[in-house]
Protein backbone atom coordinates (compact mmCIF):
# COMPACT_ATOMS: atom_id res chain seq x y z
CA MET A 1 -41.25 -12.89 17.88
CA SER A 2 -39.39 -13.77 21.03
CA ARG A 3 -37.06 -11.30 22.68
CA THR A 4 -34.01 -13.34 21.63
CA ASN A 5 -35.14 -13.40 18.00
CA LYS A 6 -35.72 -9.64 18.06
CA MET A 7 -32.23 -9.08 19.46
CA LEU A 8 -30.68 -11.36 16.86
CA SER A 9 -32.61 -9.61 14.08
CA ALA A 10 -31.49 -6.19 15.32
CA LEU A 11 -27.90 -7.40 15.54
CA LEU A 12 -28.03 -8.82 12.02
CA VAL A 13 -29.45 -5.59 10.61
CA SER A 14 -26.69 -3.62 12.39
CA VAL A 15 -23.95 -5.87 11.07
CA LEU A 16 -25.31 -5.65 7.52
CA ALA A 17 -25.59 -1.86 7.73
CA LEU A 18 -22.03 -1.52 9.01
CA GLY A 19 -20.76 -3.87 6.31
CA ALA A 20 -22.48 -1.87 3.58
CA ALA A 21 -21.13 1.41 4.95
CA GLY A 22 -17.61 0.02 5.23
CA SER A 23 -17.60 -1.37 1.71
CA SER A 24 -18.52 1.99 0.24
CA PHE A 25 -15.32 3.45 1.65
CA ALA A 26 -13.07 0.52 0.77
CA GLU A 27 -11.12 0.46 -2.47
CA THR A 28 -12.29 -1.99 -5.07
CA GLN A 29 -9.95 -4.77 -6.17
CA TRP A 30 -9.51 -3.00 -9.53
CA GLN A 31 -8.37 0.18 -7.79
CA LYS A 32 -5.88 -1.71 -5.61
CA THR A 33 -4.48 -3.52 -8.63
CA HIS A 34 -4.57 -0.66 -11.13
CA PRO A 35 -1.63 -1.28 -13.49
CA ARG A 36 0.27 1.90 -12.58
CA ARG A 37 -0.19 1.30 -8.86
CA THR A 38 0.82 -2.33 -9.28
CA GLU A 39 4.05 -1.36 -11.05
CA VAL A 40 4.99 1.13 -8.35
CA ASN A 41 4.20 -1.28 -5.52
CA ASP A 42 5.96 -4.21 -7.23
CA ARG A 43 9.10 -2.08 -7.51
CA LEU A 44 8.87 -1.18 -3.83
CA ALA A 45 8.51 -4.87 -2.91
CA ASN A 46 11.51 -5.75 -5.10
CA GLN A 47 13.61 -3.04 -3.47
CA ASN A 48 12.58 -4.36 -0.06
CA ARG A 49 13.86 -7.83 -1.04
CA ARG A 50 17.11 -6.35 -2.37
CA ILE A 51 17.69 -4.41 0.87
CA HIS A 52 17.11 -7.52 2.98
CA GLN A 53 19.47 -9.52 0.77
CA GLU A 54 22.20 -6.88 1.09
CA VAL A 55 21.90 -6.97 4.89
CA ARG A 56 21.96 -10.80 4.94
CA GLU A 57 25.09 -10.82 2.81
CA GLY A 58 26.75 -8.24 5.05
CA GLU A 59 27.00 -5.69 2.24
CA MET A 60 24.72 -3.15 3.94
CA SER A 61 24.47 -2.04 7.56
CA LYS A 62 21.19 -2.34 9.41
CA GLN A 63 21.19 1.43 9.87
CA LYS A 64 21.45 2.02 6.11
CA ALA A 65 18.73 -0.58 5.53
CA ALA A 66 16.46 1.18 8.04
CA GLN A 67 17.00 4.49 6.26
CA LEU A 68 16.17 2.96 2.85
CA HIS A 69 13.09 1.21 4.25
CA LYS A 70 11.95 4.55 5.64
CA GLU A 71 12.32 6.17 2.22
CA ASP A 72 10.37 3.31 0.62
CA ARG A 73 7.59 3.65 3.23
CA GLN A 74 7.35 7.36 2.41
CA ILE A 75 7.07 6.58 -1.31
CA ARG A 76 4.39 3.96 -0.61
CA GLN A 77 2.45 6.45 1.52
CA GLU A 78 2.72 9.07 -1.20
CA GLU A 79 1.38 6.51 -3.73
CA ARG A 80 -1.59 5.81 -1.45
CA ASP A 81 -2.25 9.52 -0.96
CA MET A 82 -2.13 10.14 -4.70
CA ALA A 83 -4.49 7.23 -5.36
CA SER A 84 -6.97 8.44 -2.74
CA GLN A 85 -7.19 11.77 -4.56
CA ASN A 86 -7.75 10.14 -7.96
CA GLY A 87 -10.49 7.60 -7.40
CA GLY A 88 -8.13 4.74 -6.55
CA HIS A 89 -5.57 5.13 -9.32
CA ILE A 90 -2.52 7.26 -10.04
CA THR A 91 -1.90 9.34 -13.15
CA LYS A 92 0.98 8.73 -15.56
CA GLN A 93 2.76 11.84 -14.23
CA GLU A 94 2.36 10.65 -10.65
CA GLN A 95 3.75 7.26 -11.66
CA ARG A 96 6.77 8.97 -13.26
CA THR A 97 7.33 11.01 -10.10
CA LEU A 98 7.15 7.91 -7.89
CA ASN A 99 9.44 5.97 -10.25
CA GLN A 100 12.03 8.76 -10.05
CA GLN A 101 11.90 8.56 -6.26
CA GLU A 102 12.24 4.77 -6.42
CA ASN A 103 15.22 5.15 -8.77
CA GLY A 104 16.94 7.26 -6.11
CA VAL A 105 16.48 4.54 -3.50
CA SER A 106 17.44 1.81 -5.96
CA ARG A 107 20.75 3.51 -6.73
CA GLN A 108 21.59 3.45 -3.02
CA ILE A 109 21.14 -0.33 -2.83
CA GLY A 110 24.30 -2.25 -3.65
CA GLN A 111 26.72 0.63 -3.40
């Protein structure tokens, strides 16, 4: 084997090893799209659209929108933290907790 071929082979083995190691830590598609996680994240996306619409229509200040976006980001982070502790999904109680938090933000939109 030439020196170039040996280097390419070593590089290929390294890339494959890193890819295998990285995939073992990554969430599977099922975990990312678990029904309870999907519902929570769909609500957050909907609230994001509603906030942007309120700002566009002049019914909400940019400062209020920033505060609501911050609350939504905290809820999304909490959802991710919960999922990481439960094998990529959230429990029904965790979903209820997150929905209650989302309800609080939702009530602030359109006031």
